[in-house]
N, C-alpha and C. Protein backbone atom coordinates (compact mmCIF):
# COMPACT_ATOMS: atom_id res chain seq x y z
N MET A 1 -8.65 -7.47 4.02
CA MET A 1 -8.01 -8.76 3.85
C MET A 1 -6.56 -8.65 4.33
N PHE A 2 -6.15 -9.63 5.12
CA PHE A 2 -4.78 -9.63 5.63
C PHE A 2 -3.80 -10.11 4.57
N VAL A 3 -2.71 -9.38 4.44
CA VAL A 3 -1.61 -9.81 3.59
C VAL A 3 -0.62 -10.59 4.46
N CYS A 4 -0.36 -10.05 5.64
CA CYS A 4 0.56 -10.67 6.59
C CYS A 4 -0.20 -11.02 7.86
N SER A 5 -0.43 -12.31 8.03
CA SER A 5 -1.17 -12.72 9.23
C SER A 5 -0.27 -12.71 10.47
N CYS A 6 1.03 -12.79 10.28
CA CYS A 6 1.94 -12.77 11.44
C CYS A 6 1.86 -11.45 12.20
N PHE A 7 1.73 -10.34 11.47
CA PHE A 7 1.69 -9.02 12.10
C PHE A 7 0.36 -8.29 11.87
N GLY A 8 -0.62 -8.97 11.27
CA GLY A 8 -1.93 -8.37 11.08
C GLY A 8 -1.93 -7.19 10.12
N VAL A 9 -1.11 -7.26 9.07
CA VAL A 9 -1.02 -6.17 8.10
C VAL A 9 -1.99 -6.43 6.96
N THR A 10 -2.81 -5.43 6.65
CA THR A 10 -3.81 -5.59 5.60
C THR A 10 -3.28 -5.11 4.26
N GLU A 11 -3.98 -5.50 3.22
CA GLU A 11 -3.64 -5.05 1.88
C GLU A 11 -3.72 -3.52 1.79
N ALA A 12 -4.72 -2.95 2.43
CA ALA A 12 -4.86 -1.48 2.42
C ALA A 12 -3.66 -0.81 3.08
N GLN A 13 -3.13 -1.41 4.14
CA GLN A 13 -1.96 -0.83 4.79
C GLN A 13 -0.73 -0.90 3.88
N VAL A 14 -0.55 -2.02 3.20
CA VAL A 14 0.58 -2.16 2.27
C VAL A 14 0.45 -1.13 1.16
N GLN A 15 -0.76 -0.98 0.63
CA GLN A 15 -0.98 0.00 -0.43
C GLN A 15 -0.70 1.41 0.06
N GLN A 16 -1.08 1.72 1.29
CA GLN A 16 -0.83 3.05 1.86
C GLN A 16 0.67 3.30 2.00
N HIS A 17 1.40 2.30 2.47
CA HIS A 17 2.86 2.45 2.58
C HIS A 17 3.48 2.64 1.19
N ALA A 18 2.95 1.93 0.20
CA ALA A 18 3.44 2.08 -1.17
C ALA A 18 3.17 3.50 -1.68
N GLU A 19 2.00 4.01 -1.41
CA GLU A 19 1.66 5.39 -1.82
C GLU A 19 2.56 6.40 -1.12
N ASN A 20 3.02 6.05 0.08
CA ASN A 20 3.90 6.94 0.84
C ASN A 20 5.37 6.79 0.46
N GLY A 21 5.64 5.94 -0.54
CA GLY A 21 7.00 5.85 -1.05
C GLY A 21 7.70 4.52 -0.92
N ALA A 22 7.12 3.57 -0.20
CA ALA A 22 7.74 2.24 -0.09
C ALA A 22 7.55 1.51 -1.41
N GLY A 23 8.64 1.23 -2.09
CA GLY A 23 8.54 0.62 -3.41
C GLY A 23 9.05 -0.79 -3.51
N THR A 24 9.58 -1.32 -2.42
CA THR A 24 10.10 -2.69 -2.43
C THR A 24 9.56 -3.44 -1.21
N PRO A 25 9.56 -4.77 -1.28
CA PRO A 25 9.14 -5.53 -0.10
C PRO A 25 9.96 -5.19 1.14
N ARG A 26 11.22 -4.91 0.97
CA ARG A 26 12.07 -4.55 2.10
C ARG A 26 11.62 -3.24 2.73
N GLN A 27 11.24 -2.27 1.90
CA GLN A 27 10.75 -1.00 2.42
C GLN A 27 9.40 -1.16 3.11
N ILE A 28 8.57 -2.03 2.57
CA ILE A 28 7.30 -2.34 3.23
C ILE A 28 7.58 -2.98 4.59
N ALA A 29 8.54 -3.89 4.63
CA ALA A 29 8.91 -4.55 5.89
C ALA A 29 9.39 -3.54 6.91
N SER A 30 10.16 -2.56 6.46
CA SER A 30 10.65 -1.53 7.38
C SER A 30 9.51 -0.68 7.92
N ALA A 31 8.49 -0.49 7.10
CA ALA A 31 7.37 0.35 7.50
C ALA A 31 6.40 -0.35 8.45
N CYS A 32 6.19 -1.68 8.25
CA CYS A 32 5.13 -2.34 9.04
C CYS A 32 5.44 -3.77 9.46
N LYS A 33 6.64 -4.25 9.21
CA LYS A 33 7.10 -5.59 9.57
C LYS A 33 6.56 -6.71 8.68
N ALA A 34 5.65 -6.41 7.77
CA ALA A 34 5.11 -7.46 6.90
C ALA A 34 6.24 -8.10 6.11
N GLY A 35 6.28 -9.43 6.12
CA GLY A 35 7.29 -10.16 5.39
C GLY A 35 8.54 -10.48 6.18
N THR A 36 8.58 -10.09 7.45
CA THR A 36 9.80 -10.30 8.23
C THR A 36 9.75 -11.53 9.14
N ASP A 37 8.61 -12.19 9.24
CA ASP A 37 8.54 -13.36 10.12
C ASP A 37 8.60 -14.63 9.28
N CYS A 38 7.50 -15.17 8.86
CA CYS A 38 7.52 -16.43 8.12
C CYS A 38 7.84 -16.23 6.64
N GLY A 39 7.57 -15.03 6.11
CA GLY A 39 7.91 -14.73 4.72
C GLY A 39 6.89 -15.17 3.69
N SER A 40 5.82 -15.81 4.12
CA SER A 40 4.85 -16.31 3.14
C SER A 40 4.09 -15.19 2.43
N CYS A 41 4.13 -13.98 2.95
CA CYS A 41 3.40 -12.88 2.33
C CYS A 41 4.24 -12.06 1.35
N VAL A 42 5.51 -12.35 1.22
CA VAL A 42 6.39 -11.54 0.39
C VAL A 42 5.93 -11.52 -1.06
N ARG A 43 5.52 -12.65 -1.58
CA ARG A 43 5.04 -12.68 -2.98
C ARG A 43 3.78 -11.84 -3.15
N ARG A 44 2.92 -11.87 -2.17
CA ARG A 44 1.70 -11.04 -2.23
C ARG A 44 2.07 -9.56 -2.19
N ILE A 45 3.04 -9.21 -1.36
CA ILE A 45 3.51 -7.82 -1.29
C ILE A 45 4.09 -7.41 -2.64
N GLN A 46 4.88 -8.29 -3.25
CA GLN A 46 5.43 -8.01 -4.57
C GLN A 46 4.32 -7.76 -5.58
N ALA A 47 3.28 -8.57 -5.52
CA ALA A 47 2.16 -8.41 -6.44
C ALA A 47 1.45 -7.08 -6.22
N ILE A 48 1.27 -6.69 -4.97
CA ILE A 48 0.63 -5.41 -4.67
C ILE A 48 1.47 -4.26 -5.21
N LEU A 49 2.78 -4.40 -5.10
CA LEU A 49 3.68 -3.36 -5.59
C LEU A 49 3.86 -3.39 -7.10
N GLY A 50 3.29 -4.43 -7.74
CA GLY A 50 3.42 -4.53 -9.19
C GLY A 50 4.76 -5.11 -9.61
N ARG A 51 5.38 -5.84 -8.69
CA ARG A 51 6.67 -6.45 -8.98
C ARG A 51 6.48 -7.94 -9.17
N GLY A 52 7.55 -8.60 -9.56
CA GLY A 52 7.50 -10.04 -9.71
C GLY A 52 7.41 -10.45 -11.17
N ALA A 53 6.91 -9.58 -12.02
CA ALA A 53 6.90 -9.87 -13.44
C ALA A 53 8.28 -9.56 -14.00
N CYS A 54 8.58 -10.11 -15.13
CA CYS A 54 9.87 -9.84 -15.76
C CYS A 54 9.86 -8.42 -16.30
N PRO A 55 10.66 -7.51 -15.76
CA PRO A 55 10.59 -6.11 -16.18
C PRO A 55 11.08 -5.89 -17.60
N ARG A 56 11.83 -6.83 -18.14
CA ARG A 56 12.32 -6.66 -19.51
C ARG A 56 11.60 -7.58 -20.48
N ARG A 57 10.47 -8.10 -20.05
CA ARG A 57 9.72 -9.03 -20.90
C ARG A 57 9.32 -8.37 -22.21
N ASP A 58 8.95 -7.08 -22.16
CA ASP A 58 8.55 -6.39 -23.38
C ASP A 58 9.70 -6.33 -24.38
N LEU A 59 10.94 -6.20 -23.91
CA LEU A 59 12.09 -6.21 -24.81
C LEU A 59 12.24 -7.56 -25.48
N ALA A 60 12.10 -8.63 -24.70
CA ALA A 60 12.23 -9.97 -25.25
C ALA A 60 11.12 -10.24 -26.26
N ASP A 61 9.92 -9.78 -25.97
CA ASP A 61 8.80 -9.98 -26.89
C ASP A 61 9.02 -9.25 -28.21
N GLN A 62 9.78 -8.18 -28.17
CA GLN A 62 10.07 -7.41 -29.39
C GLN A 62 11.31 -7.93 -30.10
N GLY A 63 11.96 -8.95 -29.53
CA GLY A 63 13.16 -9.51 -30.14
C GLY A 63 14.40 -8.69 -29.87
N ARG A 64 14.33 -7.76 -28.93
CA ARG A 64 15.47 -6.92 -28.59
C ARG A 64 16.35 -7.63 -27.57
N PRO A 65 17.65 -7.30 -27.55
CA PRO A 65 18.56 -7.97 -26.61
C PRO A 65 18.32 -7.54 -25.17
N VAL A 66 17.84 -8.45 -24.38
CA VAL A 66 17.50 -8.15 -22.99
C VAL A 66 18.74 -7.94 -22.15
N LEU A 67 19.74 -8.79 -22.31
CA LEU A 67 20.95 -8.68 -21.49
C LEU A 67 21.71 -7.39 -21.77
N ALA A 68 21.70 -6.93 -23.02
CA ALA A 68 22.39 -5.68 -23.33
C ALA A 68 21.73 -4.53 -22.58
N GLU A 69 20.42 -4.54 -22.48
CA GLU A 69 19.71 -3.50 -21.73
C GLU A 69 20.04 -3.60 -20.25
N LEU A 70 20.16 -4.82 -19.73
CA LEU A 70 20.50 -5.03 -18.33
C LEU A 70 21.90 -4.51 -18.04
N GLU A 71 22.84 -4.76 -18.94
CA GLU A 71 24.21 -4.27 -18.75
C GLU A 71 24.24 -2.76 -18.69
N LYS A 72 23.45 -2.09 -19.52
CA LYS A 72 23.39 -0.62 -19.47
C LYS A 72 22.90 -0.16 -18.10
N PHE A 73 21.87 -0.85 -17.60
CA PHE A 73 21.32 -0.50 -16.29
C PHE A 73 22.37 -0.69 -15.20
N GLU A 74 23.11 -1.79 -15.26
CA GLU A 74 24.13 -2.06 -14.25
C GLU A 74 25.23 -1.02 -14.30
N GLU A 75 25.56 -0.50 -15.50
CA GLU A 75 26.57 0.56 -15.60
C GLU A 75 26.10 1.79 -14.84
N PHE A 76 24.82 2.12 -14.95
CA PHE A 76 24.28 3.27 -14.22
C PHE A 76 24.34 3.04 -12.73
N GLU A 77 24.05 1.82 -12.28
CA GLU A 77 24.13 1.51 -10.86
C GLU A 77 25.56 1.68 -10.35
N ASP A 78 26.55 1.23 -11.17
CA ASP A 78 27.95 1.38 -10.78
C ASP A 78 28.31 2.84 -10.62
N LEU A 79 27.78 3.70 -11.51
CA LEU A 79 28.05 5.13 -11.41
C LEU A 79 27.42 5.71 -10.14
N ASP A 80 26.21 5.26 -9.82
CA ASP A 80 25.54 5.74 -8.61
C ASP A 80 26.34 5.36 -7.37
N GLU A 81 26.87 4.13 -7.34
CA GLU A 81 27.62 3.68 -6.18
C GLU A 81 28.93 4.44 -6.03
N ALA A 82 29.52 4.86 -7.16
CA ALA A 82 30.79 5.58 -7.12
C ALA A 82 30.62 7.01 -6.61
N ALA A 83 29.41 7.54 -6.74
CA ALA A 83 29.16 8.94 -6.35
C ALA A 83 29.07 9.12 -4.86
């Protein structure tokens, strides 16, 4: 089944690129061009990669502060950028 009809990229190809380390739609695009023309396949690529859901939904469901967890994550990103 084609995920990207613009470049003829199949779901199996996207999964193979993901297994080889492509973890974002942008990395998939770099590997096979899927998602770089009309963009209609980007959501499907996100779904294949297991993205698109709220990553902190489990925190919200537990009543934990979601934004506080996000701020901690952003602090780590700032440290990575400084290195």
